[in-house]
């Protein structure tokens, strides 16, 4: 992913990125559902803390 993120645009002209018609079939969404199911099963607090670091150039 980092190779694509920082590659010169001219090198990416043949790359096609698409998204599914329904995000519910996305592996990322399935993984999120598993995390939420596990948290609910353990009666985790309803206010999850999400920490993300974004690198902007």
PDB file of N, CA and C in Angstrom:
ATOM      1  N   UNK A   1       0.828  -1.191   0.000  1.00  0.00           N
ATOM      2  CA  UNK A   1       0.000   0.000   0.000  1.00  0.00           C
ATOM      3  C   UNK A   1       0.872   1.253   0.000  1.00  0.00           C
ATOM      4  N   UNK A   2       1.937   1.242   0.776  1.00  0.00           N
ATOM      5  CA  UNK A   2       2.813   2.419   0.826  1.00  0.00           C
ATOM      6  C   UNK A   2       3.425   2.697  -0.544  1.00  0.00           C
ATOM      7  N   UNK A   3       3.719   1.632  -1.299  1.00  0.00           N
ATOM      8  CA  UNK A   3       4.268   1.828  -2.645  1.00  0.00           C
ATOM      9  C   UNK A   3       3.306   2.618  -3.518  1.00  0.00           C
ATOM     10  N   UNK A   4       2.028   2.327  -3.415  1.00  0.00           N
ATOM     11  CA  UNK A   4       1.026   3.034  -4.211  1.00  0.00           C
ATOM     12  C   UNK A   4       0.807   4.436  -3.682  1.00  0.00           C
ATOM     13  N   UNK A   5       0.830   4.563  -2.374  1.00  0.00           N
ATOM     14  CA  UNK A   5       0.541   5.851  -1.752  1.00  0.00           C
ATOM     15  C   UNK A   5       1.571   6.908  -2.121  1.00  0.00           C
ATOM     16  N   UNK A   6       2.831   6.516  -2.191  1.00  0.00           N
ATOM     17  CA  UNK A   6       3.904   7.486  -2.433  1.00  0.00           C
ATOM     18  C   UNK A   6       4.476   7.422  -3.850  1.00  0.00           C
ATOM     19  N   UNK A   7       3.895   6.601  -4.702  1.00  0.00           N
ATOM     20  CA  UNK A   7       4.392   6.486  -6.078  1.00  0.00           C
ATOM     21  C   UNK A   7       3.993   7.714  -6.892  1.00  0.00           C
ATOM     22  N   UNK A   8       4.829   8.090  -7.854  1.00  0.00           N
ATOM     23  CA  UNK A   8       4.444   9.187  -8.757  1.00  0.00           C
ATOM     24  C   UNK A   8       3.165   8.810  -9.510  1.00  0.00           C
ATOM     25  N   UNK A   9       2.315   9.784  -9.732  1.00  0.00           N
ATOM     26  CA  UNK A   9       1.021   9.526 -10.370  1.00  0.00           C
ATOM     27  C   UNK A   9       1.172   8.847 -11.727  1.00  0.00           C
ATOM     28  N   UNK A  10       2.194   9.205 -12.478  1.00  0.00           N
ATOM     29  CA  UNK A  10       2.400   8.617 -13.807  1.00  0.00           C
ATOM     30  C   UNK A  10       2.588   7.099 -13.742  1.00  0.00           C
ATOM     31  N   UNK A  11       3.114   6.600 -12.637  1.00  0.00           N
ATOM     32  CA  UNK A  11       3.319   5.157 -12.488  1.00  0.00           C
ATOM     33  C   UNK A  11       2.034   4.420 -12.122  1.00  0.00           C
ATOM     34  N   UNK A  12       1.006   5.151 -11.770  1.00  0.00           N
ATOM     35  CA  UNK A  12      -0.243   4.530 -11.324  1.00  0.00           C
ATOM     36  C   UNK A  12      -1.350   4.607 -12.367  1.00  0.00           C
ATOM     37  N   UNK A  13      -1.028   5.012 -13.574  1.00  0.00           N
ATOM     38  CA  UNK A  13      -2.072   5.228 -14.572  1.00  0.00           C
ATOM     39  C   UNK A  13      -2.848   3.961 -14.923  1.00  0.00           C
ATOM     40  N   UNK A  14      -2.263   2.789 -14.723  1.00  0.00           N
ATOM     41  CA  UNK A  14      -2.951   1.542 -15.057  1.00  0.00           C
ATOM     42  C   UNK A  14      -3.600   0.888 -13.840  1.00  0.00           C
ATOM     43  N   UNK A  15      -3.524   1.517 -12.682  1.00  0.00           N
ATOM     44  CA  UNK A  15      -4.117   0.968 -11.468  1.00  0.00           C
ATOM     45  C   UNK A  15      -5.597   1.336 -11.425  1.00  0.00           C
ATOM     46  N   UNK A  16      -6.433   0.358 -11.152  1.00  0.00           N
ATOM     47  CA  UNK A  16      -7.866   0.595 -11.014  1.00  0.00           C
ATOM     48  C   UNK A  16      -8.277   0.223  -9.597  1.00  0.00           C
ATOM     49  N   UNK A  17      -8.938   1.129  -8.931  1.00  0.00           N
ATOM     50  CA  UNK A  17      -9.432   0.880  -7.577  1.00  0.00           C
ATOM     51  C   UNK A  17     -10.948   0.904  -7.636  1.00  0.00           C
ATOM     52  N   UNK A  18     -11.573  -0.111  -7.083  1.00  0.00           N
ATOM     53  CA  UNK A  18     -13.032  -0.160  -7.088  1.00  0.00           C
ATOM     54  C   UNK A  18     -13.532  -0.552  -5.704  1.00  0.00           C
ATOM     55  N   UNK A  19     -14.768  -0.213  -5.445  1.00  0.00           N
ATOM     56  CA  UNK A  19     -15.400  -0.573  -4.176  1.00  0.00           C
ATOM     57  C   UNK A  19     -16.601  -1.461  -4.478  1.00  0.00           C
ATOM     58  N   UNK A  20     -16.945  -2.350  -3.566  1.00  0.00           N
ATOM     59  CA  UNK A  20     -18.106  -3.208  -3.808  1.00  0.00           C
ATOM     60  C   UNK A  20     -19.397  -2.386  -3.758  1.00  0.00           C
ATOM     61  N   UNK A  21     -20.432  -2.890  -4.414  1.00  0.00           N
ATOM     62  CA  UNK A  21     -21.727  -2.213  -4.385  1.00  0.00           C
ATOM     63  C   UNK A  21     -22.270  -2.129  -2.961  1.00  0.00           C
ATOM     64  N   UNK A  22     -21.986  -3.140  -2.181  1.00  0.00           N
ATOM     65  CA  UNK A  22     -22.447  -3.170  -0.794  1.00  0.00           C
ATOM     66  C   UNK A  22     -21.233  -3.310   0.119  1.00  0.00           C
ATOM     67  N   UNK A  23     -21.055  -2.359   1.016  1.00  0.00           N
ATOM     68  CA  UNK A  23     -19.912  -2.432   1.931  1.00  0.00           C
ATOM     69  C   UNK A  23     -20.051  -3.565   2.940  1.00  0.00           C
ATOM     70  N   UNK A  24     -21.252  -4.115   3.085  1.00  0.00           N
ATOM     71  CA  UNK A  24     -21.442  -5.198   4.048  1.00  0.00           C
ATOM     72  C   UNK A  24     -20.657  -6.449   3.663  1.00  0.00           C
ATOM     73  N   UNK A  25     -20.267  -6.580   2.389  1.00  0.00           N
ATOM     74  CA  UNK A  25     -19.475  -7.747   1.980  1.00  0.00           C
ATOM     75  C   UNK A  25     -17.978  -7.468   2.043  1.00  0.00           C
ATOM     76  N   UNK A  26     -17.611  -6.272   2.464  1.00  0.00           N
ATOM     77  CA  UNK A  26     -16.204  -5.899   2.553  1.00  0.00           C
ATOM     78  C   UNK A  26     -15.528  -6.653   3.695  1.00  0.00           C
ATOM     79  N   UNK A  27     -14.329  -7.196   3.472  1.00  0.00           N
ATOM     80  CA  UNK A  27     -13.602  -7.872   4.552  1.00  0.00           C
ATOM     81  C   UNK A  27     -13.335  -6.946   5.740  1.00  0.00           C
ATOM     82  N   UNK A  28     -13.118  -5.674   5.472  1.00  0.00           N
ATOM     83  CA  UNK A  28     -12.870  -4.724   6.557  1.00  0.00           C
ATOM     84  C   UNK A  28     -14.113  -4.584   7.431  1.00  0.00           C
ATOM     85  N   UNK A  29     -15.281  -4.516   6.802  1.00  0.00           N
ATOM     86  CA  UNK A  29     -16.523  -4.397   7.566  1.00  0.00           C
ATOM     87  C   UNK A  29     -16.787  -5.671   8.365  1.00  0.00           C
ATOM     88  N   UNK A  30     -16.460  -6.823   7.806  1.00  0.00           N
ATOM     89  CA  UNK A  30     -16.633  -8.084   8.532  1.00  0.00           C
ATOM     90  C   UNK A  30     -15.708  -8.118   9.747  1.00  0.00           C
ATOM     91  N   UNK A  31     -14.486  -7.660   9.581  1.00  0.00           N
ATOM     92  CA  UNK A  31     -13.534  -7.609  10.690  1.00  0.00           C
ATOM     93  C   UNK A  31     -14.040  -6.667  11.776  1.00  0.00           C
ATOM     94  N   UNK A  32     -14.571  -5.508  11.381  1.00  0.00           N
ATOM     95  CA  UNK A  32     -15.133  -4.567  12.351  1.00  0.00           C
ATOM     96  C   UNK A  32     -16.302  -5.201  13.096  1.00  0.00           C
ATOM     97  N   UNK A  33     -17.148  -5.934  12.393  1.00  0.00           N
ATOM     98  CA  UNK A  33     -18.279  -6.608  13.034  1.00  0.00           C
ATOM     99  C   UNK A  33     -17.794  -7.617  14.070  1.00  0.00           C
ATOM    100  N   UNK A  34     -16.732  -8.356  13.753  1.00  0.00           N
ATOM    101  CA  UNK A  34     -16.182  -9.319  14.713  1.00  0.00           C
ATOM    102  C   UNK A  34     -15.650  -8.618  15.960  1.00  0.00           C
ATOM    103  N   UNK A  35     -14.975  -7.491  15.772  1.00  0.00           N
ATOM    104  CA  UNK A  35     -14.454  -6.722  16.907  1.00  0.00           C
ATOM    105  C   UNK A  35     -15.604  -6.235  17.781  1.00  0.00           C
ATOM    106  N   UNK A  36     -16.642  -5.694  17.158  1.00  0.00           N
ATOM    107  CA  UNK A  36     -17.785  -5.187  17.924  1.00  0.00           C
ATOM    108  C   UNK A  36     -18.526  -6.310  18.635  1.00  0.00           C
ATOM    109  N   UNK A  37     -18.699  -7.448  17.967  1.00  0.00           N
ATOM    110  CA  UNK A  37     -19.357  -8.590  18.603  1.00  0.00           C
ATOM    111  C   UNK A  37     -18.585  -9.047  19.829  1.00  0.00           C
ATOM    112  N   UNK A  38     -17.269  -9.120  19.710  1.00  0.00           N
ATOM    113  CA  UNK A  38     -16.429  -9.543  20.839  1.00  0.00           C
ATOM    114  C   UNK A  38     -16.507  -8.535  21.984  1.00  0.00           C
ATOM    115  N   UNK A  39     -16.474  -7.258  21.656  1.00  0.00           N
ATOM    116  CA  UNK A  39     -16.559  -6.217  22.685  1.00  0.00           C
ATOM    117  C   UNK A  39     -17.901  -6.284  23.406  1.00  0.00           C
ATOM    118  N   UNK A  40     -18.969  -6.512  22.668  1.00  0.00           N
ATOM    119  CA  UNK A  40     -20.295  -6.598  23.289  1.00  0.00           C
ATOM    120  C   UNK A  40     -20.408  -7.848  24.152  1.00  0.00           C
ATOM    121  N   UNK A  41     -19.790  -8.939  23.718  1.00  0.00           N
ATOM    122  CA  UNK A  41     -19.822 -10.178  24.492  1.00  0.00           C
ATOM    123  C   UNK A  41     -19.086 -10.013  25.816  1.00  0.00           C
ATOM    124  N   UNK A  42     -18.067  -9.165  25.836  1.00  0.00           N
ATOM    125  CA  UNK A  42     -17.305  -8.923  27.056  1.00  0.00           C
ATOM    126  C   UNK A  42     -17.861  -7.745  27.846  1.00  0.00           C
ATOM    127  N   UNK A  43     -18.981  -7.205  27.392  1.00  0.00           N
ATOM    128  CA  UNK A  43     -19.632  -6.058  28.034  1.00  0.00           C
ATOM    129  C   UNK A  43     -18.668  -4.894  28.185  1.00  0.00           C
ATOM    130  N   UNK A  44     -17.990  -4.602  27.101  1.00  0.00           N
ATOM    131  CA  UNK A  44     -17.055  -3.474  27.079  1.00  0.00           C
ATOM    132  C   UNK A  44     -17.835  -2.170  27.192  1.00  0.00           C
ATOM    133  N   UNK A  45     -17.173  -1.122  27.660  1.00  0.00           N
ATOM    134  CA  UNK A  45     -17.849   0.181  27.721  1.00  0.00           C
ATOM    135  C   UNK A  45     -18.382   0.571  26.346  1.00  0.00           C
ATOM    136  N   UNK A  46     -19.495   1.294  26.338  1.00  0.00           N
ATOM    137  CA  UNK A  46     -20.128   1.642  25.066  1.00  0.00           C
ATOM    138  C   UNK A  46     -19.456   2.815  24.374  1.00  0.00           C
ATOM    139  N   UNK A  47     -18.393   3.348  24.970  1.00  0.00           N
ATOM    140  CA  UNK A  47     -17.695   4.491  24.392  1.00  0.00           C
ATOM    141  C   UNK A  47     -16.270   4.082  24.022  1.00  0.00           C
ATOM    142  N   UNK A  48     -16.099   3.414  22.880  1.00  0.00           N
ATOM    143  CA  UNK A  48     -14.747   2.978  22.512  1.00  0.00           C
ATOM    144  C   UNK A  48     -13.848   4.154  22.150  1.00  0.00           C
ATOM    145  N   UNK A  49     -12.596   4.029  22.478  1.00  0.00           N
ATOM    146  CA  UNK A  49     -11.605   5.043  22.137  1.00  0.00           C
ATOM    147  C   UNK A  49     -10.841   4.549  20.919  1.00  0.00           C
ATOM    148  N   UNK A  50     -10.866   5.312  19.866  1.00  0.00           N
ATOM    149  CA  UNK A  50     -10.154   4.948  18.645  1.00  0.00           C
ATOM    150  C   UNK A  50      -9.032   5.940  18.444  1.00  0.00           C
ATOM    151  N   UNK A  51      -7.830   5.407  18.278  1.00  0.00           N
ATOM    152  CA  UNK A  51      -6.662   6.254  18.076  1.00  0.00           C
ATOM    153  C   UNK A  51      -6.098   5.971  16.696  1.00  0.00           C
ATOM    154  N   UNK A  52      -5.948   6.984  15.899  1.00  0.00           N
ATOM    155  CA  UNK A  52      -5.410   6.805  14.552  1.00  0.00           C
ATOM    156  C   UNK A  52      -4.333   7.843  14.301  1.00  0.00           C
ATOM    157  N   UNK A  53      -3.337   7.435  13.579  1.00  0.00           N
ATOM    158  CA  UNK A  53      -2.268   8.351  13.201  1.00  0.00           C
ATOM    159  C   UNK A  53      -2.259   8.457  11.686  1.00  0.00           C
ATOM    160  N   UNK A  54      -2.362   9.659  11.202  1.00  0.00           N
ATOM    161  CA  UNK A  54      -2.348   9.890   9.764  1.00  0.00           C
ATOM    162  C   UNK A  54      -1.092  10.653   9.409  1.00  0.00           C
ATOM    163  N   UNK A  55      -0.432  10.205   8.372  1.00  0.00           N
ATOM    164  CA  UNK A  55       0.789  10.861   7.920  1.00  0.00           C
ATOM    165  C   UNK A  55       0.453  11.684   6.685  1.00  0.00           C
ATOM    166  N   UNK A  56       0.550  12.968   6.817  1.00  0.00           N
ATOM    167  CA  UNK A  56       0.259  13.862   5.705  1.00  0.00           C
ATOM    168  C   UNK A  56       1.548  14.470   5.195  1.00  0.00           C
ATOM    169  N   UNK A  57       1.749  14.434   3.909  1.00  0.00           N
ATOM    170  CA  UNK A  57       2.949  15.025   3.311  1.00  0.00           C
ATOM    171  C   UNK A  57       2.571  16.264   2.561  1.00  0.00           C
TER     172      UNK A  57
END
